[in-house]
Amino acid sequence: MQKMEVKKTKKSHAHYEPDFKEEILRMLNTGKNVDEISKTFGIGRNVLYTWKSKSQMKTKTKTSEEQTTYSLRLISENELLKKEHARLQSERDILKKALVLFSTSS
């Protein structure tokens, strides 16, 4: 990977392309040394730690949203299964009564 062209804004903050950030984050997440990455790409260590922290927060939020969706789906499925269970119990009770009627009339 080569150094990325960096755009400076009025406040002289560097702007990095999302693809570049993702590649750097992959390097950080695979255990590459922060100091090496900082020196190689000319990015401050504090910037790297900020990127990593924000990335982890996004992942936690996404995971939380996925868990909520999964929980809601389980609750819905549970309600359907309870209704089905009640219906089957009712059918069973009717069949038991019918069996008693048919066996006594024979």
PDB file of N, CA and C in Angstrom:
ATOM      1  N   MET A   1       0.864  -1.172   0.000  1.00  0.00           N
ATOM      2  CA  MET A   1       0.000   0.000   0.000  1.00  0.00           C
ATOM      3  C   MET A   1       0.903   1.225   0.000  1.00  0.00           C
ATOM      4  N   GLN A   2       0.536   2.190  -0.775  1.00  0.00           N
ATOM      5  CA  GLN A   2       1.353   3.398  -0.855  1.00  0.00           C
ATOM      6  C   GLN A   2       0.679   4.544  -0.113  1.00  0.00           C
ATOM      7  N   LYS A   3       1.449   5.593   0.106  1.00  0.00           N
ATOM      8  CA  LYS A   3       0.888   6.751   0.808  1.00  0.00           C
ATOM      9  C   LYS A   3      -0.260   7.321  -0.005  1.00  0.00           C
ATOM     10  N   MET A   4      -1.259   7.780   0.705  1.00  0.00           N
ATOM     11  CA  MET A   4      -2.452   8.325   0.084  1.00  0.00           C
ATOM     12  C   MET A   4      -2.309   9.831  -0.036  1.00  0.00           C
ATOM     13  N   GLU A   5      -2.858  10.370  -1.109  1.00  0.00           N
ATOM     14  CA  GLU A   5      -2.865  11.824  -1.255  1.00  0.00           C
ATOM     15  C   GLU A   5      -3.830  12.386  -0.224  1.00  0.00           C
ATOM     16  N   VAL A   6      -3.390  13.345   0.525  1.00  0.00           N
ATOM     17  CA  VAL A   6      -4.173  13.894   1.622  1.00  0.00           C
ATOM     18  C   VAL A   6      -4.635  15.291   1.258  1.00  0.00           C
ATOM     19  N   LYS A   7      -5.933  15.544   1.475  1.00  0.00           N
ATOM     20  CA  LYS A   7      -6.488  16.875   1.238  1.00  0.00           C
ATOM     21  C   LYS A   7      -6.591  17.587   2.575  1.00  0.00           C
ATOM     22  N   LYS A   8      -6.201  18.836   2.613  1.00  0.00           N
ATOM     23  CA  LYS A   8      -6.289  19.625   3.847  1.00  0.00           C
ATOM     24  C   LYS A   8      -7.487  20.567   3.751  1.00  0.00           C
ATOM     25  N   THR A   9      -8.223  20.670   4.854  1.00  0.00           N
ATOM     26  CA  THR A   9      -9.335  21.608   4.897  1.00  0.00           C
ATOM     27  C   THR A   9      -8.830  22.938   5.440  1.00  0.00           C
ATOM     28  N   LYS A  10      -9.737  23.902   5.594  1.00  0.00           N
ATOM     29  CA  LYS A  10      -9.344  25.229   6.075  1.00  0.00           C
ATOM     30  C   LYS A  10      -8.663  25.172   7.442  1.00  0.00           C
ATOM     31  N   LYS A  11      -9.128  24.264   8.306  1.00  0.00           N
ATOM     32  CA  LYS A  11      -8.549  24.158   9.644  1.00  0.00           C
ATOM     33  C   LYS A  11      -7.292  23.300   9.624  1.00  0.00           C
ATOM     34  N   SER A  12      -6.818  22.977   8.458  1.00  0.00           N
ATOM     35  CA  SER A  12      -5.633  22.156   8.219  1.00  0.00           C
ATOM     36  C   SER A  12      -5.747  20.745   8.797  1.00  0.00           C
ATOM     37  N   HIS A  13      -6.993  20.227   8.812  1.00  0.00           N
ATOM     38  CA  HIS A  13      -7.202  18.829   9.172  1.00  0.00           C
ATOM     39  C   HIS A  13      -7.101  18.006   7.896  1.00  0.00           C
ATOM     40  N   ALA A  14      -6.406  16.916   7.975  1.00  0.00           N
ATOM     41  CA  ALA A  14      -6.263  16.049   6.810  1.00  0.00           C
ATOM     42  C   ALA A  14      -7.560  15.284   6.581  1.00  0.00           C
ATOM     43  N   HIS A  15      -7.882  15.055   5.318  1.00  0.00           N
ATOM     44  CA  HIS A  15      -9.050  14.257   4.955  1.00  0.00           C
ATOM     45  C   HIS A  15      -8.558  13.016   4.228  1.00  0.00           C
ATOM     46  N   TYR A  16      -8.925  11.861   4.728  1.00  0.00           N
ATOM     47  CA  TYR A  16      -8.514  10.598   4.127  1.00  0.00           C
ATOM     48  C   TYR A  16      -9.732   9.922   3.504  1.00  0.00           C
ATOM     49  N   GLU A  17      -9.522   9.284   2.385  1.00  0.00           N
ATOM     50  CA  GLU A  17     -10.599   8.577   1.706  1.00  0.00           C
ATOM     51  C   GLU A  17     -11.057   7.389   2.560  1.00  0.00           C
ATOM     52  N   PRO A  18     -12.355   7.074   2.519  1.00  0.00           N
ATOM     53  CA  PRO A  18     -12.880   5.954   3.315  1.00  0.00           C
ATOM     54  C   PRO A  18     -12.176   4.619   3.032  1.00  0.00           C
ATOM     55  N   ASP A  19     -11.867   4.354   1.764  1.00  0.00           N
ATOM     56  CA  ASP A  19     -11.183   3.096   1.431  1.00  0.00           C
ATOM     57  C   ASP A  19      -9.811   3.021   2.097  1.00  0.00           C
ATOM     58  N   PHE A  20      -9.130   4.155   2.120  1.00  0.00           N
ATOM     59  CA  PHE A  20      -7.811   4.218   2.744  1.00  0.00           C
ATOM     60  C   PHE A  20      -7.929   3.953   4.249  1.00  0.00           C
ATOM     61  N   LYS A  21      -8.923   4.593   4.887  1.00  0.00           N
ATOM     62  CA  LYS A  21      -9.143   4.392   6.321  1.00  0.00           C
ATOM     63  C   LYS A  21      -9.432   2.921   6.617  1.00  0.00           C
ATOM     64  N   GLU A  22     -10.280   2.315   5.779  1.00  0.00           N
ATOM     65  CA  GLU A  22     -10.633   0.911   5.987  1.00  0.00           C
ATOM     66  C   GLU A  22      -9.403   0.015   5.905  1.00  0.00           C
ATOM     67  N   GLU A  23      -8.534   0.294   4.943  1.00  0.00           N
ATOM     68  CA  GLU A  23      -7.314  -0.501   4.804  1.00  0.00           C
ATOM     69  C   GLU A  23      -6.415  -0.336   6.031  1.00  0.00           C
ATOM     70  N   ILE A  24      -6.296   0.887   6.516  1.00  0.00           N
ATOM     71  CA  ILE A  24      -5.492   1.140   7.717  1.00  0.00           C
ATOM     72  C   ILE A  24      -6.110   0.413   8.913  1.00  0.00           C
ATOM     73  N   LEU A  25      -7.439   0.469   9.037  1.00  0.00           N
ATOM     74  CA  LEU A  25      -8.119  -0.215  10.138  1.00  0.00           C
ATOM     75  C   LEU A  25      -7.914  -1.726  10.061  1.00  0.00           C
ATOM     76  N   ARG A  26      -7.929  -2.278   8.848  1.00  0.00           N
ATOM     77  CA  ARG A  26      -7.655  -3.711   8.698  1.00  0.00           C
ATOM     78  C   ARG A  26      -6.258  -4.039   9.218  1.00  0.00           C
ATOM     79  N   MET A  27      -5.310  -3.168   8.877  1.00  0.00           N
ATOM     80  CA  MET A  27      -3.939  -3.374   9.344  1.00  0.00           C
ATOM     81  C   MET A  27      -3.880  -3.323  10.874  1.00  0.00           C
ATOM     82  N   LEU A  28      -4.560  -2.345  11.461  1.00  0.00           N
ATOM     83  CA  LEU A  28      -4.574  -2.219  12.921  1.00  0.00           C
ATOM     84  C   LEU A  28      -5.231  -3.437  13.572  1.00  0.00           C
ATOM     85  N   ASN A  29      -6.328  -3.898  12.980  1.00  0.00           N
ATOM     86  CA  ASN A  29      -7.070  -5.021  13.554  1.00  0.00           C
ATOM     87  C   ASN A  29      -6.348  -6.352  13.411  1.00  0.00           C
ATOM     88  N   THR A  30      -5.390  -6.421  12.499  1.00  0.00           N
ATOM     89  CA  THR A  30      -4.616  -7.659  12.361  1.00  0.00           C
ATOM     90  C   THR A  30      -3.353  -7.615  13.206  1.00  0.00           C
ATOM     91  N   GLY A  31      -3.212  -6.579  14.021  1.00  0.00           N
ATOM     92  CA  GLY A  31      -2.105  -6.530  14.964  1.00  0.00           C
ATOM     93  C   GLY A  31      -0.871  -5.779  14.499  1.00  0.00           C
ATOM     94  N   LYS A  32      -0.985  -5.057  13.394  1.00  0.00           N
ATOM     95  CA  LYS A  32       0.171  -4.267  12.944  1.00  0.00           C
ATOM     96  C   LYS A  32       0.472  -3.194  13.988  1.00  0.00           C
ATOM     97  N   ASN A  33       1.720  -2.863  14.111  1.00  0.00           N
ATOM     98  CA  ASN A  33       2.185  -1.896  15.090  1.00  0.00           C
ATOM     99  C   ASN A  33       1.719  -0.483  14.722  1.00  0.00           C
ATOM    100  N   VAL A  34       1.110   0.196  15.680  1.00  0.00           N
ATOM    101  CA  VAL A  34       0.592   1.547  15.460  1.00  0.00           C
ATOM    102  C   VAL A  34       1.715   2.503  15.063  1.00  0.00           C
ATOM    103  N   ASP A  35       2.847   2.404  15.730  1.00  0.00           N
ATOM    104  CA  ASP A  35       3.970   3.297  15.409  1.00  0.00           C
ATOM    105  C   ASP A  35       4.455   3.093  13.973  1.00  0.00           C
ATOM    106  N   GLU A  36       4.516   1.840  13.532  1.00  0.00           N
ATOM    107  CA  GLU A  36       4.940   1.559  12.153  1.00  0.00           C
ATOM    108  C   GLU A  36       3.971   2.167  11.147  1.00  0.00           C
ATOM    109  N   ILE A  37       2.686   1.956  11.385  1.00  0.00           N
ATOM    110  CA  ILE A  37       1.668   2.495  10.480  1.00  0.00           C
ATOM    111  C   ILE A  37       1.743   4.014  10.476  1.00  0.00           C
ATOM    112  N   SER A  38       1.884   4.598  11.648  1.00  0.00           N
ATOM    113  CA  SER A  38       1.972   6.048  11.771  1.00  0.00           C
ATOM    114  C   SER A  38       3.137   6.600  10.956  1.00  0.00           C
ATOM    115  N   LYS A  39       4.299   5.984  11.094  1.00  0.00           N
ATOM    116  CA  LYS A  39       5.486   6.445  10.361  1.00  0.00           C
ATOM    117  C   LYS A  39       5.369   6.176   8.867  1.00  0.00           C
ATOM    118  N   THR A  40       4.897   4.992   8.507  1.00  0.00           N
ATOM    119  CA  THR A  40       4.806   4.611   7.093  1.00  0.00           C
ATOM    120  C   THR A  40       3.869   5.521   6.318  1.00  0.00           C
ATOM    121  N   PHE A  41       2.727   5.841   6.908  1.00  0.00           N
ATOM    122  CA  PHE A  41       1.713   6.598   6.178  1.00  0.00           C
ATOM    123  C   PHE A  41       1.619   8.059   6.600  1.00  0.00           C
ATOM    124  N   GLY A  42       2.414   8.459   7.559  1.00  0.00           N
ATOM    125  CA  GLY A  42       2.411   9.854   7.979  1.00  0.00           C
ATOM    126  C   GLY A  42       1.127  10.278   8.665  1.00  0.00           C
ATOM    127  N   ILE A  43       0.550   9.360   9.411  1.00  0.00           N
ATOM    128  CA  ILE A  43      -0.698   9.638  10.127  1.00  0.00           C
ATOM    129  C   ILE A  43      -0.380   9.617  11.618  1.00  0.00           C
ATOM    130  N   GLY A  44      -0.848  10.610  12.343  1.00  0.00           N
ATOM    131  CA  GLY A  44      -0.595  10.677  13.780  1.00  0.00           C
ATOM    132  C   GLY A  44      -1.177   9.482  14.522  1.00  0.00           C
ATOM    133  N   ARG A  45      -0.481   9.059  15.559  1.00  0.00           N
ATOM    134  CA  ARG A  45      -0.954   7.929  16.362  1.00  0.00           C
ATOM    135  C   ARG A  45      -2.342   8.204  16.933  1.00  0.00           C
ATOM    136  N   ASN A  46      -2.551   9.448  17.396  1.00  0.00           N
ATOM    137  CA  ASN A  46      -3.854   9.788  17.974  1.00  0.00           C
ATOM    138  C   ASN A  46      -4.975   9.655  16.943  1.00  0.00           C
ATOM    139  N   VAL A  47      -4.669   9.982  15.685  1.00  0.00           N
ATOM    140  CA  VAL A  47      -5.661   9.834  14.610  1.00  0.00           C
ATOM    141  C   VAL A  47      -5.985   8.354  14.420  1.00  0.00           C
ATOM    142  N   LEU A  48      -4.962   7.518  14.432  1.00  0.00           N
ATOM    143  CA  LEU A  48      -5.170   6.076  14.264  1.00  0.00           C
ATOM    144  C   LEU A  48      -6.025   5.510  15.393  1.00  0.00           C
ATOM    145  N   TYR A  49      -5.726   5.927  16.618  1.00  0.00           N
ATOM    146  CA  TYR A  49      -6.515   5.449  17.754  1.00  0.00           C
ATOM    147  C   TYR A  49      -7.966   5.948  17.672  1.00  0.00           C
ATOM    148  N   THR A  50      -8.148   7.179  17.198  1.00  0.00           N
ATOM    149  CA  THR A  50      -9.502   7.718  17.033  1.00  0.00           C
ATOM    150  C   THR A  50     -10.276   6.906  16.003  1.00  0.00           C
ATOM    151  N   TRP A  51      -9.638   6.631  14.858  1.00  0.00           N
ATOM    152  CA  TRP A  51     -10.285   5.817  13.822  1.00  0.00           C
ATOM    153  C   TRP A  51     -10.682   4.451  14.377  1.00  0.00           C
ATOM    154  N   LYS A  52      -9.770   3.842  15.101  1.00  0.00           N
ATOM    155  CA  LYS A  52     -10.025   2.506  15.641  1.00  0.00           C
ATOM    156  C   LYS A  52     -11.183   2.550  16.636  1.00  0.00           C
ATOM    157  N   SER A  53     -11.185   3.551  17.502  1.00  0.00           N
ATOM    158  CA  SER A  53     -12.239   3.693  18.501  1.00  0.00           C
ATOM    159  C   SER A  53     -13.605   3.894  17.839  1.00  0.00           C
ATOM    160  N   LYS A  54     -13.669   4.789  16.853  1.00  0.00           N
ATOM    161  CA  LYS A  54     -14.933   5.048  16.152  1.00  0.00           C
ATOM    162  C   LYS A  54     -15.412   3.800  15.422  1.00  0.00           C
ATOM    163  N   SER A  55     -14.494   3.076  14.831  1.00  0.00           N
ATOM    164  CA  SER A  55     -14.840   1.844  14.125  1.00  0.00           C
ATOM    165  C   SER A  55     -15.434   0.816  15.083  1.00  0.00           C
ATOM    166  N   GLN A  56     -14.840   0.693  16.257  1.00  0.00           N
ATOM    167  CA  GLN A  56     -15.344  -0.250  17.251  1.00  0.00           C
ATOM    168  C   GLN A  56     -16.720   0.166  17.756  1.00  0.00           C
ATOM    169  N   MET A  57     -16.950   1.473  17.901  1.00  0.00           N
ATOM    170  CA  MET A  57     -18.258   1.961  18.347  1.00  0.00           C
ATOM    171  C   MET A  57     -19.323   1.646  17.308  1.00  0.00           C
ATOM    172  N   LYS A  58     -19.001   1.834  16.026  1.00  0.00           N
ATOM    173  CA  LYS A  58     -19.948   1.516  14.956  1.00  0.00           C
ATOM    174  C   LYS A  58     -20.281   0.034  14.963  1.00  0.00           C
ATOM    175  N   THR A  59     -19.268  -0.791  15.174  1.00  0.00           N
ATOM    176  CA  THR A  59     -19.478  -2.236  15.210  1.00  0.00           C
ATOM    177  C   THR A  59     -20.379  -2.614  16.372  1.00  0.00           C
ATOM    178  N   LYS A  60     -20.159  -2.010  17.541  1.00  0.00           N
ATOM    179  CA  LYS A  60     -20.994  -2.299  18.705  1.00  0.00           C
ATOM    180  C   LYS A  60     -22.434  -1.877  18.453  1.00  0.00           C
ATOM    181  N   THR A  61     -22.628  -0.708  17.839  1.00  0.00           N
ATOM    182  CA  THR A  61     -23.970  -0.222  17.540  1.00  0.00           C
ATOM    183  C   THR A  61     -24.660  -1.163  16.571  1.00  0.00           C
ATOM    184  N   LYS A  62     -23.951  -1.576  15.547  1.00  0.00           N
ATOM    185  CA  LYS A  62     -24.523  -2.485  14.555  1.00  0.00           C
ATOM    186  C   LYS A  62     -24.892  -3.807  15.210  1.00  0.00           C
ATOM    187  N   THR A  63     -24.005  -4.320  16.037  1.00  0.00           N
ATOM    188  CA  THR A  63     -24.266  -5.574  16.725  1.00  0.00           C
ATOM    189  C   THR A  63     -25.489  -5.433  17.622  1.00  0.00           C
ATOM    190  N   SER A  64     -25.618  -4.317  18.312  1.00  0.00           N
ATOM    191  CA  SER A  64     -26.762  -4.072  19.182  1.00  0.00           C
ATOM    192  C   SER A  64     -28.056  -4.030  18.375  1.00  0.00           C
ATOM    193  N   GLU A  65     -28.032  -3.374  17.223  1.00  0.00           N
ATOM    194  CA  GLU A  65     -29.214  -3.304  16.361  1.00  0.00           C
ATOM    195  C   GLU A  65     -29.581  -4.690  15.844  1.00  0.00           C
ATOM    196  N   GLU A  66     -28.579  -5.483  15.480  1.00  0.00           N
ATOM    197  CA  GLU A  66     -28.837  -6.840  15.002  1.00  0.00           C
ATOM    198  C   GLU A  66     -29.448  -7.692  16.107  1.00  0.00           C
ATOM    199  N   GLN A  67     -28.961  -7.518  17.338  1.00  0.00           N
ATOM    200  CA  GLN A  67     -29.502  -8.276  18.461  1.00  0.00           C
ATOM    201  C   GLN A  67     -30.952  -7.886  18.720  1.00  0.00           C
ATOM    202  N   THR A  68     -31.260  -6.599  18.615  1.00  0.00           N
ATOM    203  CA  THR A  68     -32.627  -6.133  18.816  1.00  0.00           C
ATOM    204  C   THR A  68     -33.542  -6.734  17.759  1.00  0.00           C
ATOM    205  N   THR A  69     -33.113  -6.714  16.505  1.00  0.00           N
ATOM    206  CA  THR A  69     -33.899  -7.294  15.417  1.00  0.00           C
ATOM    207  C   THR A  69     -34.117  -8.781  15.659  1.00  0.00           C
ATOM    208  N   TYR A  70     -33.062  -9.473  16.042  1.00  0.00           N
ATOM    209  CA  TYR A  70     -33.149 -10.908  16.313  1.00  0.00           C
ATOM    210  C   TYR A  70     -34.109 -11.175  17.470  1.00  0.00           C
ATOM    211  N   SER A  71     -34.031 -10.376  18.533  1.00  0.00           N
ATOM    212  CA  SER A  71     -34.914 -10.546  19.688  1.00  0.00           C
ATOM    213  C   SER A  71     -36.371 -10.333  19.299  1.00  0.00           C
ATOM    214  N   LEU A  72     -36.634  -9.305  18.510  1.00  0.00           N
ATOM    215  CA  LEU A  72     -38.008  -9.044  18.068  1.00  0.00           C
ATOM    216  C   LEU A  72     -38.542 -10.195  17.224  1.00  0.00           C
ATOM    217  N   ARG A  73     -37.681 -10.745  16.378  1.00  0.00           N
ATOM    218  CA  ARG A  73     -38.093 -11.873  15.547  1.00  0.00           C
ATOM    219  C   ARG A  73     -38.410 -13.089  16.420  1.00  0.00           C
ATOM    220  N   LEU A  74     -37.604 -13.321  17.450  1.00  0.00           N
ATOM    221  CA  LEU A  74     -37.856 -14.445  18.356  1.00  0.00           C
ATOM    222  C   LEU A  74     -39.159 -14.260  19.129  1.00  0.00           C
ATOM    223  N   ILE A  75     -39.417 -13.043  19.571  1.00  0.00           N
ATOM    224  CA  ILE A  75     -40.656 -12.759  20.299  1.00  0.00           C
ATOM    225  C   ILE A  75     -41.860 -13.030  19.405  1.00  0.00           C
ATOM    226  N   SER A  76     -41.792 -12.565  18.166  1.00  0.00           N
ATOM    227  CA  SER A  76     -42.877 -12.778  17.214  1.00  0.00           C
ATOM    228  C   SER A  76     -43.086 -14.271  16.953  1.00  0.00           C
ATOM    229  N   GLU A  77     -41.998 -14.981  16.736  1.00  0.00           N
ATOM    230  CA  GLU A  77     -42.085 -16.419  16.484  1.00  0.00           C
ATOM    231  C   GLU A  77     -42.650 -17.145  17.704  1.00  0.00           C
ATOM    232  N   ASN A  78     -42.257 -16.716  18.893  1.00  0.00           N
ATOM    233  CA  ASN A  78     -42.755 -17.320  20.125  1.00  0.00           C
ATOM    234  C   ASN A  78     -44.269 -17.137  20.244  1.00  0.00           C
ATOM    235  N   GLU A  79     -44.757 -15.960  19.922  1.00  0.00           N
ATOM    236  CA  GLU A  79     -46.202 -15.704  19.975  1.00  0.00           C
ATOM    237  C   GLU A  79     -46.952 -16.618  19.002  1.00  0.00           C
ATOM    238  N   LEU A  80     -46.421 -16.771  17.793  1.00  0.00           N
ATOM    239  CA  LEU A  80     -47.053 -17.657  16.812  1.00  0.00           C
ATOM    240  C   LEU A  80     -47.066 -19.102  17.311  1.00  0.00           C
ATOM    241  N   LEU A  81     -45.975 -19.532  17.906  1.00  0.00           N
ATOM    242  CA  LEU A  81     -45.900 -20.903  18.417  1.00  0.00           C
ATOM    243  C   LEU A  81     -46.862 -21.121  19.585  1.00  0.00           C
ATOM    244  N   LYS A  82     -47.038 -20.108  20.423  1.00  0.00           N
ATOM    245  CA  LYS A  82     -47.997 -20.218  21.530  1.00  0.00           C
ATOM    246  C   LYS A  82     -49.419 -20.383  20.989  1.00  0.00           C
ATOM    247  N   LYS A  83     -49.761 -19.610  19.955  1.00  0.00           N
ATOM    248  CA  LYS A  83     -51.094 -19.720  19.350  1.00  0.00           C
ATOM    249  C   LYS A  83     -51.286 -21.104  18.736  1.00  0.00           C
ATOM    250  N   GLU A  84     -50.277 -21.584  18.034  1.00  0.00           N
ATOM    251  CA  GLU A  84     -50.342 -22.909  17.418  1.00  0.00           C
ATOM    252  C   GLU A  84     -50.479 -23.990  18.490  1.00  0.00           C
ATOM    253  N   HIS A  85     -49.752 -23.844  19.579  1.00  0.00           N
ATOM    254  CA  HIS A  85     -49.820 -24.801  20.688  1.00  0.00           C
ATOM    255  C   HIS A  85     -51.230 -24.828  21.278  1.00  0.00           C
ATOM    256  N   ALA A  86     -51.819 -23.674  21.497  1.00  0.00           N
ATOM    257  CA  ALA A  86     -53.176 -23.595  22.046  1.00  0.00           C
ATOM    258  C   ALA A  86     -54.178 -24.249  21.094  1.00  0.00           C
ATOM    259  N   ARG A  87     -54.018 -24.004  19.799  1.00  0.00           N
ATOM    260  CA  ARG A  87     -54.921 -24.602  18.803  1.00  0.00           C
ATOM    261  C   ARG A  87     -54.802 -26.126  18.829  1.00  0.00           C
ATOM    262  N   LEU A  88     -53.583 -26.635  18.891  1.00  0.00           N
ATOM    263  CA  LEU A  88     -53.370 -28.084  18.905  1.00  0.00           C
ATOM    264  C   LEU A  88     -53.907 -28.721  20.190  1.00  0.00           C
ATOM    265  N   GLN A  89     -53.777 -28.021  21.318  1.00  0.00           N
ATOM    266  CA  GLN A  89     -54.339 -28.538  22.571  1.00  0.00           C
ATOM    267  C   GLN A  89     -55.857 -28.623  22.472  1.00  0.00           C
ATOM    268  N   SER A  90     -56.457 -27.612  21.869  1.00  0.00           N
ATOM    269  CA  SER A  90     -57.906 -27.596  21.696  1.00  0.00           C
ATOM    270  C   SER A  90     -58.346 -28.762  20.807  1.00  0.00           C
ATOM    271  N   GLU A  91     -57.634 -28.981  19.705  1.00  0.00           N
ATOM    272  CA  GLU A  91     -57.949 -30.106  18.815  1.00  0.00           C
ATOM    273  C   GLU A  91     -57.818 -31.432  19.560  1.00  0.00           C
ATOM    274  N   ARG A  92     -56.754 -31.563  20.346  1.00  0.00           N
ATOM    275  CA  ARG A  92     -56.531 -32.790  21.115  1.00  0.00           C
ATOM    276  C   ARG A  92     -57.687 -33.038  22.076  1.00  0.00           C
ATOM    277  N   ASP A  93     -58.126 -31.986  22.769  1.00  0.00           N
ATOM    278  CA  ASP A  93     -59.229 -32.132  23.719  1.00  0.00           C
ATOM    279  C   ASP A  93     -60.508 -32.561  23.008  1.00  0.00           C
ATOM    280  N   ILE A  94     -60.767 -31.996  21.848  1.00  0.00           N
ATOM    281  CA  ILE A  94     -61.953 -32.368  21.065  1.00  0.00           C
ATOM    282  C   ILE A  94     -61.857 -33.830  20.638  1.00  0.00           C
ATOM    283  N   LEU A  95     -60.696 -34.249  20.183  1.00  0.00           N
ATOM    284  CA  LEU A  95     -60.511 -35.634  19.752  1.00  0.00           C
ATOM    285  C   LEU A  95     -60.645 -36.612  20.919  1.00  0.00           C
ATOM    286  N   LYS A  96     -60.182 -36.215  22.101  1.00  0.00           N
ATOM    287  CA  LYS A  96     -60.344 -37.069  23.285  1.00  0.00           C
ATOM    288  C   LYS A  96     -61.823 -37.273  23.592  1.00  0.00           C
ATOM    289  N   LYS A  97     -62.601 -36.172  23.535  1.00  0.00           N
ATOM    290  CA  LYS A  97     -64.037 -36.255  23.804  1.00  0.00           C
ATOM    291  C   LYS A  97     -64.724 -37.116  22.754  1.00  0.00           C
ATOM    292  N   ALA A  98     -64.319 -36.962  21.499  1.00  0.00           N
ATOM    293  CA  ALA A  98     -64.906 -37.759  20.422  1.00  0.00           C
ATOM    294  C   ALA A  98     -64.583 -39.233  20.620  1.00  0.00           C
ATOM    295  N   LEU A  99     -63.383 -39.544  21.043  1.00  0.00           N
ATOM    296  CA  LEU A  99     -62.980 -40.931  21.282  1.00  0.00           C
ATOM    297  C   LEU A  99     -63.835 -41.552  22.379  1.00  0.00           C
ATOM    298  N   VAL A 100     -64.072 -40.785  23.443  1.00  0.00           N
ATOM    299  CA  VAL A 100     -64.913 -41.281  24.536  1.00  0.00           C
ATOM    300  C   VAL A 100     -66.324 -41.539  24.021  1.00  0.00           C
ATOM    301  N   LEU A 101     -66.887 -40.619  23.235  1.00  0.00           N
ATOM    302  CA  LEU A 101     -68.239 -40.784  22.694  1.00  0.00           C
ATOM    303  C   LEU A 101     -68.333 -42.003  21.785  1.00  0.00           C
ATOM    304  N   PHE A 102     -67.378 -42.168  20.900  1.00  0.00           N
ATOM    305  CA  PHE A 102     -67.417 -43.283  19.953  1.00  0.00           C
ATOM    306  C   PHE A 102     -67.174 -44.625  20.646  1.00  0.00           C
ATOM    307  N   SER A 103     -66.329 -44.635  21.666  1.00  0.00           N
ATOM    308  CA  SER A 103     -66.033 -45.902  22.339  1.00  0.00           C
ATOM    309  C   SER A 103     -67.185 -46.345  23.239  1.00  0.00           C
ATOM    310  N   THR A 104     -67.969 -45.432  23.777  1.00  0.00           N
ATOM    311  CA  THR A 104     -69.106 -45.796  24.629  1.00  0.00           C
ATOM    312  C   THR A 104     -70.335 -46.150  23.808  1.00  0.00           C
ATOM    313  N   SER A 105     -70.423 -45.653  22.580  1.00  0.00           N
ATOM    314  CA  SER A 105     -71.592 -45.946  21.748  1.00  0.00           C
ATOM    315  C   SER A 105     -71.442 -47.260  20.997  1.00  0.00           C
ATOM    316  N   SER A 106     -70.291 -47.882  21.006  1.00  0.00           N
ATOM    317  CA  SER A 106     -70.092 -49.148  20.283  1.00  0.00           C
ATOM    318  C   SER A 106     -70.563 -50.322  21.050  1.00  0.00           C
TER     319      SER A 106
END
